[in-house]
N, C-alpha and C. Protein backbone atom coordinates (compact mmCIF):
# COMPACT_ATOMS: atom_id res chain seq x y z
N UNK A 1 34.18 46.38 4.58
CA UNK A 1 33.45 44.69 5.41
C UNK A 1 32.02 45.02 6.02
N UNK A 2 30.62 44.39 5.37
CA UNK A 2 29.96 44.46 6.48
C UNK A 2 29.82 43.31 7.35
N UNK A 3 28.88 43.72 8.75
CA UNK A 3 28.42 42.61 9.68
C UNK A 3 28.14 41.01 8.93
N UNK A 4 27.20 40.91 7.54
CA UNK A 4 26.84 40.43 7.97
C UNK A 4 28.27 39.37 6.05
N UNK A 5 29.14 40.37 5.85
CA UNK A 5 30.15 40.08 5.20
C UNK A 5 30.57 39.19 5.97
N UNK A 6 31.28 39.44 8.13
CA UNK A 6 32.01 38.94 8.03
C UNK A 6 31.69 37.49 9.17
N UNK A 7 30.04 37.42 9.05
CA UNK A 7 30.03 36.22 9.41
C UNK A 7 29.88 34.90 8.55
N UNK A 8 30.17 35.26 7.25
CA UNK A 8 29.66 34.77 5.84
C UNK A 8 28.57 33.97 5.66
N UNK A 9 28.58 32.93 3.97
CA UNK A 9 27.12 32.62 4.33
C UNK A 9 26.33 31.35 5.48
N UNK A 10 25.00 32.19 5.46
CA UNK A 10 24.49 30.27 5.80
C UNK A 10 24.62 30.77 7.58
N UNK A 11 25.62 32.00 8.06
CA UNK A 11 25.81 32.61 9.64
C UNK A 11 25.10 33.34 9.76
N UNK A 12 24.35 33.19 11.00
CA UNK A 12 23.37 34.00 11.96
C UNK A 12 24.18 33.64 13.12
N UNK A 13 23.18 35.18 13.71
CA UNK A 13 23.12 35.28 15.56
C UNK A 13 21.54 34.88 15.63
N UNK A 14 20.99 34.96 14.37
CA UNK A 14 19.30 34.63 15.26
C UNK A 14 18.81 33.60 13.94
N UNK A 15 19.36 32.95 13.45
CA UNK A 15 18.81 31.97 12.32
C UNK A 15 19.35 30.63 12.92
N UNK A 16 19.08 29.57 12.43
CA UNK A 16 19.72 28.22 12.60
C UNK A 16 20.40 28.09 10.92
N UNK A 17 21.19 27.15 11.65
CA UNK A 17 22.93 26.75 10.29
C UNK A 17 21.48 26.16 9.44
N UNK A 18 21.66 26.59 8.01
CA UNK A 18 20.78 25.38 7.32
C UNK A 18 21.11 23.79 7.17
N UNK A 19 20.42 23.62 6.95
CA UNK A 19 20.82 21.46 6.14
C UNK A 19 20.39 21.12 5.32
N UNK A 20 20.98 21.05 4.49
CA UNK A 20 20.34 20.27 2.64
C UNK A 20 20.15 19.22 3.24
N UNK A 21 20.81 17.72 3.71
CA UNK A 21 21.21 16.31 3.69
C UNK A 21 22.98 16.30 4.10
N UNK A 22 23.37 17.50 3.31
CA UNK A 22 24.83 17.01 3.13
C UNK A 22 25.84 17.61 4.92
N UNK A 23 27.34 17.14 4.47
CA UNK A 23 27.64 17.43 5.65
C UNK A 23 27.37 17.86 6.18
N UNK A 24 27.01 16.56 7.38
CA UNK A 24 26.05 16.44 8.11
C UNK A 24 26.80 16.68 9.54
N UNK A 25 28.09 16.19 10.05
CA UNK A 25 28.80 16.31 11.11
C UNK A 25 28.50 17.98 11.54
N UNK A 26 29.11 18.66 9.95
CA UNK A 26 29.17 20.02 10.35
C UNK A 26 27.93 20.84 11.02
N UNK A 27 27.35 20.30 10.30
CA UNK A 27 25.74 20.76 10.44
C UNK A 27 25.26 20.61 12.04
N UNK A 28 25.50 19.71 12.25
CA UNK A 28 25.39 18.85 14.28
C UNK A 28 26.36 19.94 14.77
N UNK A 29 27.06 19.91 14.52
CA UNK A 29 27.77 20.62 15.86
C UNK A 29 27.46 22.27 15.53
N UNK A 30 27.27 23.09 14.56
CA UNK A 30 26.99 24.48 14.26
C UNK A 30 25.71 24.17 14.81
N UNK A 31 24.92 23.48 14.32
CA UNK A 31 23.50 23.31 15.04
C UNK A 31 23.49 22.98 16.97
N UNK A 32 24.07 22.51 17.83
CA UNK A 32 24.61 21.93 19.18
C UNK A 32 25.04 24.02 19.35
N UNK A 33 26.30 24.03 18.59
CA UNK A 33 26.06 25.83 19.36
C UNK A 33 25.39 26.77 19.43
N UNK A 34 24.21 26.13 17.88
CA UNK A 34 23.70 27.62 18.07
C UNK A 34 22.36 27.52 19.06
N UNK A 35 22.24 26.05 19.32
CA UNK A 35 21.08 26.19 20.69
C UNK A 35 21.51 26.13 22.47
N UNK A 36 22.77 25.80 22.18
CA UNK A 36 23.55 26.07 23.48
C UNK A 36 23.48 28.11 23.57
N UNK A 37 23.73 28.43 22.15
CA UNK A 37 23.53 29.84 22.48
C UNK A 37 22.01 30.64 23.07
N UNK A 38 21.73 29.38 22.44
CA UNK A 38 19.69 30.02 22.57
C UNK A 38 19.98 30.14 23.91
N UNK A 39 19.96 29.05 25.08
CA UNK A 39 19.73 28.95 26.56
C UNK A 39 20.62 27.03 26.33
N UNK A 40 20.50 26.98 28.00
CA UNK A 40 20.99 25.82 27.94
C UNK A 40 19.75 25.02 28.66
N UNK A 41 18.83 24.90 28.49
CA UNK A 41 17.36 24.70 28.77
C UNK A 41 16.96 24.01 26.97
N UNK A 42 17.21 24.94 26.15
CA UNK A 42 16.82 24.76 24.93
C UNK A 42 17.85 23.20 24.71
N UNK A 43 19.48 23.38 24.79
CA UNK A 43 19.55 22.43 24.97
C UNK A 43 19.75 21.10 25.14
N UNK A 44 19.16 21.42 26.52
CA UNK A 44 18.83 20.23 26.89
C UNK A 44 17.84 19.79 26.42
N UNK A 45 16.37 20.00 25.86
CA UNK A 45 15.74 19.52 25.12
C UNK A 45 15.70 18.28 24.10
N UNK A 46 17.58 18.78 23.67
CA UNK A 46 17.67 17.89 22.60
C UNK A 46 18.16 16.95 22.91
N UNK A 47 19.03 17.49 24.26
CA UNK A 47 20.10 16.11 25.14
C UNK A 47 18.50 14.80 25.73
N UNK A 48 17.80 15.23 26.56
CA UNK A 48 17.74 14.55 27.80
C UNK A 48 16.17 14.42 27.05
N UNK A 49 16.02 15.48 26.34
CA UNK A 49 14.22 14.90 26.47
C UNK A 49 12.94 15.95 26.36
N UNK A 50 12.06 16.76 26.26
CA UNK A 50 11.10 17.37 26.56
C UNK A 50 10.97 16.96 28.29
N UNK A 51 10.78 18.20 28.96
CA UNK A 51 10.37 18.30 30.59
C UNK A 51 8.73 17.59 30.70
N UNK A 52 8.61 16.83 30.97
CA UNK A 52 6.80 16.72 31.57
C UNK A 52 6.83 17.00 33.16
N UNK A 53 5.95 17.75 33.22
CA UNK A 53 5.46 18.30 34.44
C UNK A 53 4.87 16.89 35.66
N UNK A 54 4.68 16.91 36.69
CA UNK A 54 4.89 14.97 37.02
C UNK A 54 4.32 15.66 38.92
N UNK A 55 3.28 15.39 39.27
CA UNK A 55 3.17 15.21 40.57
C UNK A 55 3.48 13.81 41.09
N UNK A 56 4.04 13.48 42.42
CA UNK A 56 4.48 12.40 43.21
C UNK A 56 2.97 11.48 43.37
N UNK A 57 3.15 10.30 42.98
CA UNK A 57 1.98 8.69 43.34
C UNK A 57 2.27 8.48 44.17
N UNK A 58 2.27 7.13 43.90
CA UNK A 58 2.57 5.94 45.25
C UNK A 58 3.75 5.34 44.80
N UNK A 59 4.45 5.58 46.15
CA UNK A 59 5.54 4.44 46.17
C UNK A 59 6.72 5.98 45.54
N UNK A 60 7.93 5.43 44.71
CA UNK A 60 8.23 6.05 44.32
C UNK A 60 8.11 6.75 42.68
N UNK A 61 6.82 6.21 42.32
CA UNK A 61 6.48 6.56 41.20
C UNK A 61 5.72 8.36 41.34
N UNK A 62 5.65 7.72 39.96
CA UNK A 62 4.90 10.05 39.61
C UNK A 62 4.14 10.00 38.63
N UNK A 63 3.50 10.80 37.92
CA UNK A 63 2.06 10.02 37.36
C UNK A 63 2.43 12.04 36.16
N UNK A 64 2.29 12.16 35.29
CA UNK A 64 2.19 13.50 34.71
C UNK A 64 0.65 14.51 35.34
N UNK A 65 1.38 15.25 35.27
CA UNK A 65 0.50 16.15 36.29
C UNK A 65 -0.56 17.12 35.12
N UNK A 66 -2.06 16.93 35.39
CA UNK A 66 -2.56 17.04 34.50
C UNK A 66 -2.29 19.11 33.67
N UNK A 67 -2.55 19.29 32.59
CA UNK A 67 -1.98 20.47 31.71
C UNK A 67 -2.92 21.78 33.07
N UNK A 68 -4.16 21.51 33.38
CA UNK A 68 -5.19 22.71 34.36
C UNK A 68 -3.54 22.59 35.36
N UNK A 69 -3.31 21.97 35.92
CA UNK A 69 -2.53 22.36 37.46
C UNK A 69 -1.01 22.85 37.27
N UNK A 70 -0.43 22.94 36.16
CA UNK A 70 0.83 23.35 35.41
C UNK A 70 1.20 24.96 36.11
N UNK A 71 2.90 25.12 36.82
CA UNK A 71 2.80 26.14 36.66
C UNK A 71 3.18 26.71 36.13
N UNK A 72 3.38 28.54 36.21
CA UNK A 72 4.40 29.49 34.64
C UNK A 72 5.73 28.50 34.34
N UNK A 73 6.54 27.58 35.43
CA UNK A 73 7.81 27.44 35.58
C UNK A 73 8.15 25.96 34.80
N UNK A 74 6.93 25.18 34.96
CA UNK A 74 5.79 23.62 34.46
C UNK A 74 6.15 24.67 32.23
N UNK A 75 4.96 25.65 32.79
CA UNK A 75 4.56 26.00 31.40
C UNK A 75 6.01 25.94 30.42
N UNK A 76 6.76 26.73 30.87
CA UNK A 76 7.82 27.42 30.74
C UNK A 76 9.11 26.07 29.93
N UNK A 77 8.91 25.27 31.01
CA UNK A 77 9.64 23.92 30.30
C UNK A 77 9.10 23.17 29.44
N UNK A 78 8.61 22.95 30.04
CA UNK A 78 7.59 22.52 28.66
C UNK A 78 8.08 23.33 26.98
N UNK A 79 8.21 24.60 27.22
CA UNK A 79 7.70 24.61 25.77
C UNK A 79 9.33 25.17 25.33
N UNK A 80 10.12 24.84 26.18
CA UNK A 80 11.84 24.03 25.35
C UNK A 80 11.64 23.49 24.16
N UNK A 81 10.80 22.14 23.89
CA UNK A 81 11.14 21.26 23.40
C UNK A 81 9.72 21.70 21.82
N UNK A 82 9.34 22.37 22.23
CA UNK A 82 8.59 23.31 21.00
C UNK A 82 9.10 24.72 20.68
N UNK A 83 10.21 24.99 20.94
CA UNK A 83 11.11 26.15 20.39
C UNK A 83 12.18 25.58 19.55
N UNK A 84 12.77 23.90 20.00
CA UNK A 84 13.79 23.75 19.38
C UNK A 84 13.32 22.73 18.31
N UNK A 85 12.38 22.70 18.39
CA UNK A 85 11.41 21.55 16.82
C UNK A 85 11.23 23.02 15.76
N UNK A 86 10.92 23.86 16.59
CA UNK A 86 10.49 24.88 15.75
C UNK A 86 12.02 25.63 14.74
N UNK A 87 13.52 25.50 15.82
CA UNK A 87 14.38 25.65 15.13
C UNK A 87 15.06 24.72 14.13
N UNK A 88 14.54 23.40 14.78
CA UNK A 88 15.35 22.30 13.84
C UNK A 88 14.39 22.68 12.32
N UNK A 89 13.52 22.09 12.49
CA UNK A 89 12.55 22.37 11.30
C UNK A 89 12.67 23.74 10.55
N UNK A 90 12.74 24.62 10.52
CA UNK A 90 13.85 25.41 10.20
C UNK A 90 15.00 26.04 9.83
N UNK A 91 15.37 24.74 10.33
CA UNK A 91 17.19 24.21 9.41
C UNK A 91 17.43 23.70 8.99
N UNK A 92 16.10 23.05 7.81
CA UNK A 92 16.10 21.92 7.35
C UNK A 92 15.14 21.85 6.05
N UNK A 93 15.75 21.39 5.27
CA UNK A 93 15.40 21.72 3.69
C UNK A 93 13.86 20.30 3.81
N UNK A 94 13.55 21.10 3.37
CA UNK A 94 12.63 19.81 2.87
C UNK A 94 12.31 18.24 2.20
N UNK A 95 13.11 18.08 1.87
CA UNK A 95 13.68 17.01 1.76
C UNK A 95 13.69 16.09 3.99
N UNK A 96 14.42 16.98 4.32
CA UNK A 96 14.88 16.27 5.80
C UNK A 96 13.37 16.52 6.69
N UNK A 97 13.44 17.62 6.91
CA UNK A 97 11.86 17.89 7.07
C UNK A 97 10.58 16.26 7.16
N UNK A 98 10.61 15.83 5.37
CA UNK A 98 9.79 15.09 5.94
C UNK A 98 10.49 13.59 6.46
N UNK A 99 11.65 13.62 6.92
CA UNK A 99 12.17 12.49 7.66
C UNK A 99 11.55 12.59 9.55
N UNK A 100 11.51 13.68 8.98
CA UNK A 100 11.37 14.18 11.34
C UNK A 100 9.48 14.29 11.55
N UNK A 101 8.75 15.09 10.41
CA UNK A 101 7.90 15.41 10.77
C UNK A 101 7.07 14.82 11.44
N UNK A 102 6.82 13.14 11.11
CA UNK A 102 6.15 12.43 12.75
C UNK A 102 6.31 12.45 14.16
N UNK A 103 8.03 13.25 13.72
CA UNK A 103 8.25 13.30 15.22
C UNK A 103 7.93 14.09 16.38
N UNK A 104 6.89 13.10 16.96
CA UNK A 104 6.54 14.50 18.92
C UNK A 104 7.74 14.91 19.16
N UNK A 105 8.50 14.52 19.76
CA UNK A 105 9.38 15.45 20.47
C UNK A 105 10.49 16.07 19.49
N UNK A 106 11.87 17.02 20.52
CA UNK A 106 13.28 17.13 19.72
C UNK A 106 13.85 16.70 19.58
N UNK A 107 14.17 15.74 20.52
CA UNK A 107 15.19 15.30 21.11
C UNK A 107 15.06 14.04 19.86
N UNK A 108 13.55 12.98 19.43
CA UNK A 108 13.14 12.22 18.99
C UNK A 108 13.59 12.62 17.78
N UNK A 109 13.55 14.03 16.58
CA UNK A 109 13.52 14.77 15.65
C UNK A 109 15.29 14.21 15.37
N UNK A 110 16.13 15.12 16.57
CA UNK A 110 17.31 15.17 16.75
C UNK A 110 17.63 13.57 16.15
N UNK A 111 17.29 12.71 17.48
CA UNK A 111 17.91 11.33 16.97
C UNK A 111 17.90 10.44 15.92
N UNK A 112 16.48 11.16 15.04
CA UNK A 112 16.08 10.20 14.07
C UNK A 112 17.28 10.77 12.47
N UNK A 113 17.51 12.88 12.89
CA UNK A 113 18.49 12.79 11.76
C UNK A 113 19.88 12.40 12.04
N UNK A 114 20.47 12.68 13.60
CA UNK A 114 21.16 11.24 13.47
C UNK A 114 21.87 10.17 12.86
N UNK A 115 20.37 9.28 13.35
CA UNK A 115 20.05 7.79 13.02
C UNK A 115 20.70 7.84 11.62
N UNK A 116 20.10 9.00 10.82
CA UNK A 116 19.91 8.74 9.44
C UNK A 116 20.88 8.83 8.38
N UNK A 117 22.11 9.98 8.99
CA UNK A 117 23.29 10.71 8.45
C UNK A 117 24.41 9.99 9.33
N UNK A 118 24.24 9.60 10.32
CA UNK A 118 25.65 8.97 11.45
C UNK A 118 25.20 7.17 11.00
N UNK A 119 24.16 6.63 10.96
CA UNK A 119 23.80 5.31 10.68
C UNK A 119 23.60 5.16 12.67
N UNK A 120 23.17 4.42 13.23
CA UNK A 120 23.51 3.35 14.54
C UNK A 120 24.29 3.25 15.58
N UNK A 121 24.38 3.23 16.06
CA UNK A 121 25.47 2.44 17.68
C UNK A 121 26.45 1.97 16.84
N UNK A 122 25.90 0.40 16.54
CA UNK A 122 26.26 -0.83 16.08
C UNK A 122 26.80 -0.75 14.50
N UNK A 123 26.56 0.58 13.87
CA UNK A 123 26.69 0.73 12.28
C UNK A 123 27.90 1.47 12.74
N UNK A 124 28.30 2.69 13.44
CA UNK A 124 29.64 3.18 14.04
C UNK A 124 30.20 2.28 14.74
N UNK A 125 30.06 1.17 15.29
CA UNK A 125 30.74 0.45 16.03
C UNK A 125 31.70 -0.60 14.67
N UNK A 126 30.60 -0.87 14.06
CA UNK A 126 31.09 -1.86 12.83
C UNK A 126 32.07 -1.36 11.90
N UNK A 127 32.06 -0.07 12.19
CA UNK A 127 32.78 1.00 10.59
C UNK A 127 34.42 1.23 11.07
N UNK A 128 33.98 0.86 12.97
CA UNK A 128 35.27 1.78 13.49
C UNK A 128 36.02 0.48 13.94
N UNK A 129 35.51 -0.72 13.77
CA UNK A 129 36.56 -2.10 14.18
C UNK A 129 36.55 -2.74 12.36
N UNK A 130 35.80 -2.35 11.67
CA UNK A 130 36.59 -3.44 10.08
C UNK A 130 35.28 -4.13 10.01
N UNK A 131 34.21 -3.49 10.46
CA UNK A 131 32.90 -5.33 10.10
C UNK A 131 32.16 -4.61 9.96
N UNK A 132 31.88 -3.40 9.74
CA UNK A 132 30.71 -2.90 8.82
C UNK A 132 31.00 -3.22 6.85
């Protein structure tokens, strides 16, 4: 038995799990595990949204830091969003890609896929209490 046979169809340590629109809940859990294995910072870009470098403004406000003032750490944190967008688009079929192709952030892509395949919170709640 080879290493590839052991992992099974579609399983890889370097490629995200493939999604063609079927079995979303299964794919979602596998994808979350894959993203967490990449890095917790990568996973946070999906859960919390992209990192936006800021500088203190007046009072309690902050403003976006101009790109020319970004530190190496700022750049690294901003790149997590791009990494996740690449991972998601590498994992999905063409039909799924067109659902998320206009999304600006990885979180927006993730939320769009989730809403498409699981429904909104109200739809899910209605299904649970029998009103949907």
